Amino acid sequence: MTERPRKIIHVDCDAFYASLEIREQPELARLPIAVGGSADRRGVIATCNYEARRYGIHSAMASATAMRLCPDLRILPPRFDLYRAVSLQMREIFADYTEVIEPLSLDEAFLDVSESDACQGSATLMARQIRQRVRQELGITVSAGVAPNKFLAKVASDWNKPDGLMVLTPDEVADFVKRLPVSKINGVGKVTAAKLANLGVESCGDLQGLPQETLLSRFGKQGLRLYHLARGEDQRAVQPERVRKSLSVEQTYDVDLANLAEVARALPGLLDELRTRFGRKVDDDGAVAKRFVKVKFSDFTQTTLEQTLSGTHQGWDSLADYQRLMNAAWKRGAKPARLLGVGIRFRDDLADSAAQRQLLLFGPDY
């Protein structure tokens, strides 16, 4: 008996934070705007609208750099209460179509609609309805991808952004992946892409020509993953109870930070970005068990230092506490730093709690 193909929808908001700010302040429409920290305080861009992206602005960019690229850029402070509320409203819409929902962050999620009876079982119609309802009920747009697995659904949702829909039926997968650039595979960054290019690989079709043994010898465990994804194969299930154990941000600098004073000046911007990704109120820190920092020095040695939170500490995002931790970590090498990172680790006992789940910064019948 032939196994029934899965039907996975990946829904991804278009510039979520920025879109909500424009919804709340319509006069900002068609202006370049971003949400993030102030340029005067070494802030970081969390997201920006598509008008701002035309200037080369992107998330994780220093706000000061963004202002140099676009002097007319409006940088707005984040309003996480608003973003969380709308994220939950979106999930209520998703729940009308399936209970099998895996939030990846506040603004994207996987939905397994294989067993859903909504829209006569058509994943395509479900995706269309979801997009229409989000637009009408919440006043923002989302892009969606429909495919037989998570890998292809996520690729498809990004294909026609913003405000797009792409559907890949099982019969279309083989031809589609042959033309798909390997850079579209999550985890294939510049280094891996360069290694593949040296092997004559630019597309997944090229990658299919390499034996599994070659990929394993060149890329280790990642080679096996590349072998299957190049063929459009992904057996991962949509996991509603997925638990995040930690959250961090890192920044590699074009010019090494020469001393502790330069490291200290870079820290507030990193912490701002971590707050943005955390997506919760500053005083709502009961989920966090530890804070940690990471330093990679100019000679590529690195160190990580962490601190367990207790009642004697301030909130998890205390700049003073992170500064003390970063100072101690830097002194272990006491040399120019090429990368800094800051992060938090969550309590183990939150594995089954609703609060932890919300942290996950959240044919014709197909």
Protein backbone atom coordinates (compact mmCIF):
# COMPACT_ATOMS: atom_id res chain seq x y z
CA MET A 1 0.00 0.00 0.00
CA THR A 2 1.44 3.40 -1.01
CA GLU A 3 2.08 5.70 1.93
CA ARG A 4 -0.03 8.84 1.83
CA PRO A 5 2.18 11.95 1.30
CA ARG A 6 2.40 14.43 4.11
CA LYS A 7 1.05 17.94 3.71
CA ILE A 8 3.14 20.56 5.50
CA ILE A 9 2.52 24.32 5.50
CA HIS A 10 5.21 26.77 6.57
CA VAL A 11 3.80 30.20 7.43
CA ASP A 12 6.20 33.13 7.76
CA CYS A 13 5.21 36.72 8.50
CA ASP A 14 6.54 39.46 6.24
CA ALA A 15 8.74 41.81 8.32
CA PHE A 16 6.58 41.01 11.36
CA TYR A 17 7.61 43.67 13.89
CA ALA A 18 7.86 46.40 11.25
CA SER A 19 4.53 45.42 9.69
CA LEU A 20 2.79 45.68 13.04
CA GLU A 21 4.30 49.10 13.69
CA ILE A 22 2.98 50.28 10.31
CA ARG A 23 -0.42 48.78 11.11
CA GLU A 24 -0.48 50.79 14.33
CA GLN A 25 0.93 53.93 12.65
CA PRO A 26 -0.34 54.00 9.04
CA GLU A 27 1.54 57.24 8.35
CA LEU A 28 4.73 55.13 8.30
CA ALA A 29 3.57 53.17 5.25
CA ARG A 30 6.02 53.30 2.33
CA LEU A 31 8.71 54.88 4.53
CA PRO A 32 11.91 52.99 5.42
CA ILE A 33 11.46 51.83 9.01
CA ALA A 34 13.17 49.40 11.35
CA VAL A 35 12.56 48.04 14.82
CA GLY A 36 15.52 47.84 17.14
CA GLY A 37 17.83 49.66 19.49
CA SER A 38 18.85 53.29 19.23
CA ALA A 39 21.91 54.17 17.14
CA ASP A 40 23.03 56.45 19.97
CA ARG A 41 23.24 53.47 22.33
CA ARG A 42 24.95 51.01 19.98
CA GLY A 43 21.60 49.37 19.24
CA VAL A 44 20.96 46.58 16.77
CA ILE A 45 18.28 46.23 14.09
CA ALA A 46 15.78 43.47 14.93
CA THR A 47 13.88 43.70 11.64
CA CYS A 48 13.04 46.24 8.96
CA ASN A 49 10.44 46.67 6.25
CA TYR A 50 11.12 46.02 2.59
CA GLU A 51 11.60 49.72 1.81
CA ALA A 52 14.52 49.75 4.26
CA ARG A 53 15.94 46.51 2.84
CA ARG A 54 16.43 48.23 -0.50
CA TYR A 55 19.21 50.22 1.19
CA GLY A 56 20.98 47.02 2.26
CA ILE A 57 19.67 47.12 5.83
CA HIS A 58 19.05 43.77 7.52
CA SER A 59 18.46 42.22 10.93
CA ALA A 60 21.42 42.06 13.35
CA MET A 61 22.99 45.11 11.67
CA ALA A 62 24.22 47.83 14.00
CA SER A 63 21.68 50.64 14.08
CA ALA A 64 24.44 53.19 13.48
CA THR A 65 25.42 51.37 10.28
CA ALA A 66 21.78 51.27 9.18
CA MET A 67 21.47 55.04 9.68
CA ARG A 68 24.56 55.61 7.55
CA LEU A 69 23.04 53.53 4.74
CA CYS A 70 19.69 55.31 5.02
CA PRO A 71 19.75 58.64 6.89
CA ASP A 72 15.93 58.85 6.64
CA LEU A 73 15.46 55.50 8.38
CA ARG A 74 12.98 55.56 11.28
CA ILE A 75 14.12 53.21 14.05
CA LEU A 76 11.30 52.33 16.44
CA PRO A 77 11.70 50.68 19.86
CA PRO A 78 10.27 47.15 20.05
CA ARG A 79 6.86 46.57 21.65
CA PHE A 80 6.92 42.91 22.64
CA ASP A 81 3.51 42.92 24.30
CA LEU A 82 2.01 43.80 20.93
CA TYR A 83 4.09 41.25 19.00
CA ARG A 84 3.29 38.42 21.41
CA ALA A 85 -0.42 39.21 21.38
CA VAL A 86 -0.60 39.12 17.58
CA SER A 87 1.53 35.96 17.48
CA LEU A 88 -0.99 34.22 19.73
CA GLN A 89 -3.85 35.46 17.54
CA MET A 90 -2.13 33.91 14.53
CA ARG A 91 -1.78 30.60 16.32
CA GLU A 92 -5.48 30.66 17.09
CA ILE A 93 -6.09 30.94 13.35
CA PHE A 94 -3.69 28.04 12.68
CA ALA A 95 -5.51 25.92 15.26
CA ASP A 96 -8.68 26.08 13.16
CA TYR A 97 -6.90 23.91 10.61
CA THR A 98 -4.72 21.56 12.68
CA GLU A 99 -3.51 20.85 16.20
CA VAL A 100 -0.07 19.84 14.90
CA ILE A 101 1.67 23.23 15.02
CA GLU A 102 5.39 23.81 15.59
CA PRO A 103 6.15 27.47 16.35
CA LEU A 104 9.68 28.43 15.34
CA SER A 105 9.45 32.00 16.62
CA LEU A 106 6.82 34.66 17.19
CA ASP A 107 6.39 35.08 13.44
CA GLU A 108 6.68 31.65 11.80
CA ALA A 109 5.44 28.11 12.27
CA PHE A 110 5.10 24.71 10.62
CA LEU A 111 1.63 23.15 10.34
CA ASP A 112 1.07 19.48 9.56
CA VAL A 113 -2.34 19.36 7.87
CA SER A 114 -2.03 15.80 6.55
CA GLU A 115 -5.02 14.62 8.57
CA SER A 116 -7.02 17.84 8.50
CA ASP A 117 -10.53 17.85 7.07
CA ALA A 118 -10.58 21.62 6.62
CA CYS A 119 -11.04 22.89 3.05
CA GLN A 120 -11.90 19.33 1.98
CA GLY A 121 -8.39 18.29 2.94
CA SER A 122 -6.65 20.64 0.48
CA ALA A 123 -3.46 22.07 1.96
CA THR A 124 -3.36 24.65 -0.82
CA LEU A 125 -6.81 26.00 0.08
CA MET A 126 -5.91 25.98 3.77
CA ALA A 127 -2.80 28.06 3.10
CA ARG A 128 -4.83 30.51 1.02
CA GLN A 129 -7.44 30.84 3.75
CA ILE A 130 -4.83 31.32 6.45
CA ARG A 131 -3.16 34.09 4.48
CA GLN A 132 -6.50 35.77 3.79
CA ARG A 133 -7.61 35.56 7.43
CA VAL A 134 -4.33 36.94 8.78
CA ARG A 135 -4.63 39.88 6.39
CA GLN A 136 -8.28 40.56 7.21
CA GLU A 137 -8.26 39.83 10.95
CA LEU A 138 -4.77 40.99 11.95
CA GLY A 139 -3.91 43.56 9.30
CA ILE A 140 -0.56 42.10 8.22
CA THR A 141 0.64 39.76 5.48
CA VAL A 142 2.25 36.34 5.64
CA SER A 143 3.92 34.16 3.05
CA ALA A 144 3.27 30.43 2.94
CA GLY A 145 4.83 27.35 1.45
CA VAL A 146 3.03 24.04 0.95
CA ALA A 147 5.06 20.87 0.39
CA PRO A 148 5.41 17.21 1.42
CA ASN A 149 8.03 18.00 4.10
CA LYS A 150 9.43 20.73 6.33
CA PHE A 151 12.54 21.46 4.27
CA LEU A 152 10.61 22.09 1.06
CA ALA A 153 7.78 23.96 2.80
CA LYS A 154 10.25 26.44 4.29
CA VAL A 155 12.01 26.90 0.96
CA ALA A 156 8.63 27.43 -0.71
CA SER A 157 7.46 30.06 1.80
CA ASP A 158 10.51 32.17 0.98
CA TRP A 159 10.16 31.78 -2.78
CA ASN A 160 7.62 34.52 -3.48
CA LYS A 161 8.11 36.82 -0.49
CA PRO A 162 6.58 39.11 0.51
CA ASP A 163 2.88 38.20 0.59
CA GLY A 164 3.37 35.09 -1.50
CA LEU A 165 2.25 31.47 -1.77
CA MET A 166 4.09 28.57 -3.38
CA VAL A 167 2.82 25.00 -3.59
CA LEU A 168 5.00 21.98 -4.33
CA THR A 169 3.10 18.77 -4.97
CA PRO A 170 4.86 15.42 -4.61
CA ASP A 171 5.02 15.05 -8.39
CA GLU A 172 6.85 18.40 -8.71
CA VAL A 173 9.54 17.78 -6.11
CA ALA A 174 12.10 15.93 -8.26
CA ASP A 175 12.27 18.59 -10.97
CA PHE A 176 12.18 21.46 -8.47
CA VAL A 177 15.09 20.28 -6.32
CA LYS A 178 17.31 19.62 -9.34
CA ARG A 179 17.26 23.35 -10.10
CA LEU A 180 17.38 24.49 -6.47
CA PRO A 181 20.65 26.30 -5.54
CA VAL A 182 22.47 24.56 -2.69
CA SER A 183 22.54 27.94 -0.92
CA LYS A 184 18.81 27.44 -0.27
CA ILE A 185 19.58 24.49 2.02
CA ASN A 186 19.43 25.66 5.61
CA GLY A 187 22.89 25.33 7.13
CA VAL A 188 24.78 25.78 3.87
CA GLY A 189 26.64 29.00 4.55
CA LYS A 190 29.50 30.63 2.69
CA VAL A 191 32.11 28.10 3.86
CA THR A 192 30.10 25.00 2.93
CA ALA A 193 28.95 26.60 -0.32
CA ALA A 194 32.57 27.31 -1.24
CA LYS A 195 33.57 23.71 -0.52
CA LEU A 196 30.71 22.45 -2.66
CA ALA A 197 31.65 24.86 -5.45
CA ASN A 198 35.16 23.40 -5.43
CA LEU A 199 33.50 20.06 -6.15
CA GLY A 200 31.58 21.58 -9.05
CA VAL A 201 28.33 21.76 -7.08
CA GLU A 202 26.05 24.78 -7.47
CA SER A 203 22.59 23.18 -7.51
CA CYS A 204 20.94 20.28 -5.74
CA GLY A 205 20.98 18.52 -9.09
CA ASP A 206 24.78 18.78 -9.09
CA LEU A 207 24.81 17.55 -5.50
CA GLN A 208 22.80 14.48 -6.46
CA GLY A 209 25.72 13.43 -8.66
CA LEU A 210 28.07 13.02 -5.68
CA PRO A 211 28.15 9.59 -4.00
CA GLN A 212 27.04 9.43 -0.39
CA GLU A 213 30.52 8.19 0.57
CA THR A 214 32.11 11.33 -0.90
CA LEU A 215 29.78 13.62 1.02
CA LEU A 216 30.39 11.73 4.27
CA SER A 217 34.16 11.89 3.87
CA ARG A 218 34.11 15.62 3.00
CA PHE A 219 31.39 16.87 5.34
CA GLY A 220 30.91 14.24 8.04
CA LYS A 221 27.37 13.92 9.41
CA GLN A 222 26.32 16.99 7.48
CA GLY A 223 27.15 15.09 4.30
CA LEU A 224 24.35 12.60 4.94
CA ARG A 225 21.93 15.44 5.53
CA LEU A 226 23.02 17.09 2.27
CA TYR A 227 22.59 13.80 0.42
CA HIS A 228 18.93 13.51 1.44
CA LEU A 229 17.93 17.18 1.20
CA ALA A 230 19.39 17.40 -2.30
CA ARG A 231 16.76 14.81 -3.24
CA GLY A 232 13.99 16.67 -1.45
CA GLU A 233 13.90 14.08 1.34
CA ASP A 234 13.15 15.20 4.90
CA GLN A 235 11.49 12.88 7.40
CA ARG A 236 11.41 15.31 10.34
CA ALA A 237 8.02 15.48 12.01
CA VAL A 238 6.26 18.70 12.94
CA GLN A 239 6.82 18.83 16.71
CA PRO A 240 4.33 20.88 18.74
CA GLU A 241 6.21 20.24 22.00
CA ARG A 242 9.66 21.30 20.78
CA VAL A 243 11.67 22.82 23.64
CA ARG A 244 14.42 25.41 23.33
CA LYS A 245 17.19 24.92 25.89
CA SER A 246 19.13 28.11 25.18
CA LEU A 247 19.09 31.30 23.15
CA SER A 248 22.08 33.37 22.04
CA VAL A 249 23.34 35.96 19.59
CA GLU A 250 26.84 36.33 18.16
CA GLN A 251 28.61 38.99 16.13
CA THR A 252 31.80 38.55 14.10
CA TYR A 253 33.54 41.88 13.59
CA ASP A 254 35.18 43.02 10.36
CA VAL A 255 37.90 44.64 12.47
CA ASP A 256 39.01 42.91 15.68
CA LEU A 257 38.04 44.63 18.93
CA ALA A 258 41.46 45.67 20.16
CA ASN A 259 40.94 45.83 23.91
CA LEU A 260 38.50 45.48 26.80
CA ALA A 261 37.16 49.00 26.32
CA GLU A 262 36.08 48.20 22.74
CA VAL A 263 34.55 44.93 23.90
CA ALA A 264 32.58 46.83 26.56
CA ARG A 265 31.24 49.28 23.97
CA ALA A 266 30.02 46.43 21.76
CA LEU A 267 28.17 44.61 24.55
CA PRO A 268 24.98 46.77 24.83
CA GLY A 269 24.14 46.23 21.18
CA LEU A 270 24.46 42.46 21.53
CA LEU A 271 22.30 42.48 24.64
CA ASP A 272 19.65 44.55 22.84
CA GLU A 273 19.49 41.94 20.09
CA LEU A 274 19.22 39.13 22.65
CA ARG A 275 16.30 40.92 24.32
CA THR A 276 14.66 41.25 20.91
CA ARG A 277 15.01 37.55 20.13
CA PHE A 278 13.82 36.58 23.60
CA GLY A 279 10.64 38.53 22.98
CA ARG A 280 9.51 38.82 26.58
CA LYS A 281 9.29 41.57 29.18
CA VAL A 282 12.55 42.44 30.90
CA ASP A 283 11.11 41.68 34.34
CA ASP A 284 9.63 38.36 33.23
CA ASP A 285 12.83 36.38 33.79
CA GLY A 286 11.61 33.30 35.68
CA ALA A 287 12.24 31.10 32.65
CA VAL A 288 15.97 31.88 32.57
CA ALA A 289 18.38 29.76 34.63
CA LYS A 290 21.75 31.08 33.43
CA ARG A 291 23.36 33.86 31.42
CA PHE A 292 26.54 33.29 29.43
CA VAL A 293 29.04 35.05 27.19
CA LYS A 294 31.42 33.88 24.49
CA VAL A 295 34.65 35.42 23.18
CA LYS A 296 36.61 34.25 20.14
CA PHE A 297 40.03 35.86 19.99
CA SER A 298 42.05 36.95 16.97
CA ASP A 299 44.02 33.68 17.06
CA PHE A 300 40.69 31.74 16.87
CA THR A 301 40.95 30.44 20.44
CA GLN A 302 37.70 30.95 22.30
CA THR A 303 36.20 30.83 25.76
CA THR A 304 32.70 30.69 27.23
CA LEU A 305 31.73 31.78 30.73
CA GLU A 306 28.32 31.38 32.35
CA GLN A 307 26.60 32.45 35.55
CA THR A 308 23.68 30.81 37.36
CA LEU A 309 20.95 33.29 38.23
CA SER A 310 19.84 33.55 41.84
CA GLY A 311 17.78 35.84 44.00
CA THR A 312 20.80 38.08 44.55
CA HIS A 313 21.07 38.90 40.85
CA GLN A 314 19.13 41.49 38.88
CA GLY A 315 16.93 40.55 35.91
CA TRP A 316 18.45 38.13 33.42
CA ASP A 317 19.33 40.97 31.03
CA SER A 318 21.23 43.14 33.52
CA LEU A 319 23.89 44.97 31.53
CA ALA A 320 26.09 45.29 34.62
CA ASP A 321 26.06 41.52 35.22
CA TYR A 322 26.77 40.75 31.56
CA GLN A 323 29.58 43.31 31.62
CA ARG A 324 31.24 41.63 34.61
CA LEU A 325 30.90 38.25 32.94
CA MET A 326 32.31 39.53 29.63
CA ASN A 327 35.23 41.24 31.40
CA ALA A 328 36.18 37.99 33.12
CA ALA A 329 35.88 36.00 29.89
CA TRP A 330 37.99 38.46 27.89
CA LYS A 331 40.74 38.46 30.53
CA ARG A 332 41.21 34.72 29.96
CA GLY A 333 42.82 35.57 26.61
CA ALA A 334 43.50 39.29 26.95
CA LYS A 335 43.95 39.79 23.22
CA PRO A 336 41.94 41.30 20.35
CA ALA A 337 38.51 39.71 19.90
CA ARG A 338 37.03 38.81 16.51
CA LEU A 339 33.67 37.51 17.84
CA LEU A 340 31.47 38.19 20.85
CA GLY A 341 28.37 36.32 21.93
CA VAL A 342 25.78 36.61 24.70
CA GLY A 343 23.08 34.15 25.66
CA ILE A 344 20.77 32.57 28.20
CA ARG A 345 19.92 29.01 29.21
CA PHE A 346 16.38 28.06 30.21
CA ARG A 347 15.21 26.10 33.21
CA ASP A 348 14.90 22.35 32.60
CA ASP A 349 11.58 22.16 34.44
CA LEU A 350 9.87 24.28 31.78
CA ALA A 351 9.92 21.48 29.23
CA ASP A 352 6.15 20.92 29.41
CA SER A 353 4.96 24.40 30.25
CA ALA A 354 2.93 26.65 28.00
CA ALA A 355 5.25 29.54 28.84
CA GLN A 356 8.24 27.70 27.45
CA ARG A 357 6.44 26.77 24.25
CA GLN A 358 5.61 30.42 23.71
CA LEU A 359 9.30 31.25 23.92
CA LEU A 360 9.96 29.56 20.61
CA LEU A 361 10.59 32.90 19.26
CA PHE A 362 7.12 31.54 18.37
CA GLY A 363 -3.49 16.44 -7.23
CA PRO A 364 -6.66 18.43 -6.53
CA ASP A 365 -6.71 17.21 -2.91
CA TYR A 366 -3.19 18.38 -2.14
